[in-house]
Amino acid sequence: MRLTQGTEIDIPDPRYPNVSWSPFAFHLIPRNGLSKAASIMRSGEVAGREPEGWRNVPVLEHVNHAIGHLLSFLECDGKDPHLAHAACRILMALDLDGSEKIVVPLPSPDPPKGRACPRDGYP
């Protein structure tokens, strides 16, 4: 995984001392969905699975399992929390896949005045 940036910019920008620029928007990731995926990971750990064992599984196998869980969800199979399982498999595949670059977005040229706070809708 490579971190790239389209245009040179100083981070942090001295013109905006109260704004912390980050190339990522972790505050926008749905917390409940992420918690459900983390719960699936914990249940696998409690069941005795090797915590990092998923790293030994090929990306395409994770993708195939994710698709299987999505299909089971669409078929209303209530045996497992299929969306959470699919999310875990996609996260695992994303972590292992080195073919995509992470593109660093540029910060807004005019950040809000005053102290920026994620709760105010601006990171």
Protein backbone atom coordinates (compact mmCIF):
# COMPACT_ATOMS: atom_id res chain seq x y z
CA MET A 1 0.00 0.00 0.00
CA ARG A 2 1.45 3.31 -1.07
CA LEU A 3 0.50 6.72 0.25
CA THR A 4 0.52 9.31 -2.52
CA GLN A 5 -0.30 12.98 -2.66
CA GLY A 6 -1.42 14.90 -5.72
CA THR A 7 -0.08 18.32 -4.73
CA GLU A 8 2.55 19.40 -2.26
CA ILE A 9 1.11 20.82 0.95
CA ASP A 10 2.53 21.38 4.40
CA ILE A 11 0.69 19.37 7.01
CA PRO A 12 0.06 20.95 9.47
CA ASP A 13 -0.50 24.22 7.64
CA PRO A 14 0.94 27.12 9.72
CA ARG A 15 -1.80 29.43 8.42
CA TYR A 16 -4.38 27.36 10.30
CA PRO A 17 -2.85 26.46 13.68
CA ASN A 18 -6.14 25.17 15.13
CA VAL A 19 -6.88 22.77 12.29
CA SER A 20 -5.35 19.31 12.27
CA TRP A 21 -5.13 18.17 8.66
CA SER A 22 -5.24 14.46 8.06
CA PRO A 23 -5.40 12.54 4.80
CA PHE A 24 -8.00 10.25 6.38
CA ALA A 25 -11.55 10.77 7.59
CA PHE A 26 -11.78 8.13 10.30
CA HIS A 27 -14.49 10.20 11.97
CA LEU A 28 -16.76 9.39 9.00
CA ILE A 29 -16.51 5.60 9.35
CA PRO A 30 -19.83 4.30 10.70
CA ARG A 31 -19.01 3.40 14.31
CA ASN A 32 -21.83 0.91 14.78
CA GLY A 33 -20.84 -1.01 11.64
CA LEU A 34 -17.19 -1.02 12.66
CA SER A 35 -18.16 -2.23 16.14
CA LYS A 36 -20.16 -5.08 14.62
CA ALA A 37 -17.17 -6.12 12.51
CA ALA A 38 -14.91 -5.93 15.58
CA SER A 39 -17.39 -8.11 17.47
CA ILE A 40 -17.09 -10.77 14.76
CA MET A 41 -13.31 -10.62 15.06
CA ARG A 42 -13.58 -11.04 18.84
CA SER A 43 -15.91 -14.03 18.51
CA GLY A 44 -13.38 -15.70 16.21
CA GLU A 45 -10.64 -15.06 18.74
CA VAL A 46 -12.78 -16.45 21.58
CA ALA A 47 -13.52 -19.54 19.47
CA GLY A 48 -9.78 -20.21 19.38
CA ARG A 49 -8.93 -19.00 15.89
CA GLU A 50 -5.47 -17.56 15.45
CA PRO A 51 -5.84 -13.75 15.73
CA GLU A 52 -3.66 -13.03 12.70
CA GLY A 53 -4.49 -16.23 10.83
CA TRP A 54 -6.55 -14.31 8.26
CA ARG A 55 -3.28 -12.89 6.93
CA ASN A 56 -2.44 -16.34 5.54
CA VAL A 57 -5.63 -16.46 3.44
CA PRO A 58 -5.46 -15.20 -0.17
CA VAL A 59 -7.31 -11.97 -1.00
CA LEU A 60 -9.62 -13.71 -3.48
CA GLU A 61 -10.68 -16.22 -0.84
CA HIS A 62 -11.67 -13.37 1.49
CA VAL A 63 -13.62 -11.76 -1.36
CA ASN A 64 -15.37 -15.06 -2.16
CA HIS A 65 -16.35 -15.52 1.47
CA ALA A 66 -17.62 -11.92 1.62
CA ILE A 67 -19.78 -12.51 -1.46
CA GLY A 68 -21.10 -15.73 0.10
CA HIS A 69 -22.12 -13.84 3.23
CA LEU A 70 -23.79 -11.12 1.16
CA LEU A 71 -25.75 -13.73 -0.79
CA SER A 72 -26.79 -15.44 2.46
CA PHE A 73 -27.94 -12.07 3.78
CA LEU A 74 -30.01 -11.48 0.62
CA GLU A 75 -31.55 -14.94 1.00
CA CYS A 76 -32.65 -13.99 4.54
CA ASP A 77 -30.54 -16.73 6.12
CA GLY A 78 -30.58 -15.66 9.77
CA LYS A 79 -27.99 -18.19 10.96
CA ASP A 80 -25.14 -15.66 11.16
CA PRO A 81 -24.74 -11.88 11.18
CA HIS A 82 -23.82 -12.06 7.50
CA LEU A 83 -23.29 -8.35 6.88
CA ALA A 84 -20.79 -8.14 9.73
CA HIS A 85 -18.99 -11.25 8.48
CA ALA A 86 -18.89 -9.80 4.95
CA ALA A 87 -17.52 -6.51 6.31
CA CYS A 88 -14.74 -8.38 8.13
CA ARG A 89 -13.80 -10.29 4.99
CA ILE A 90 -13.74 -7.09 2.93
CA LEU A 91 -11.58 -5.36 5.56
CA MET A 92 -9.20 -8.32 5.56
CA ALA A 93 -9.00 -8.29 1.75
CA LEU A 94 -8.41 -4.53 1.74
CA ASP A 95 -5.64 -4.88 4.30
CA LEU A 96 -3.90 -7.59 2.30
CA ASP A 97 -4.40 -6.09 -1.16
CA GLY A 98 -1.41 -4.04 -2.21
CA SER A 99 -2.66 -3.10 -5.67
CA GLU A 100 -4.51 0.08 -4.73
CA LYS A 101 -2.89 3.34 -3.75
CA ILE A 102 -4.21 5.53 -1.00
CA VAL A 103 -4.82 8.96 -2.48
CA VAL A 104 -4.36 11.80 -0.05
CA PRO A 105 -7.06 14.43 -0.61
CA LEU A 106 -6.13 18.06 -0.32
CA PRO A 107 -7.59 20.06 2.56
CA SER A 108 -10.21 22.69 1.89
CA PRO A 109 -8.60 26.03 0.98
CA ASP A 110 -10.86 27.90 3.41
CA PRO A 111 -11.26 25.98 6.68
CA PRO A 112 -13.78 27.32 9.16
CA LYS A 113 -12.68 30.10 11.50
CA GLY A 114 -11.93 29.26 15.11
CA ARG A 115 -11.24 25.88 16.60
CA ALA A 116 -12.15 22.94 14.36
CA CYS A 117 -13.89 20.02 16.04
CA PRO A 118 -15.14 16.75 14.50
CA ARG A 119 -18.40 17.15 16.41
CA ASP A 120 -18.95 20.40 14.51
CA GLY A 121 -18.83 18.48 11.25
CA TYR A 122 -15.30 19.48 10.32
CA PRO A 123 -12.21 17.46 11.21
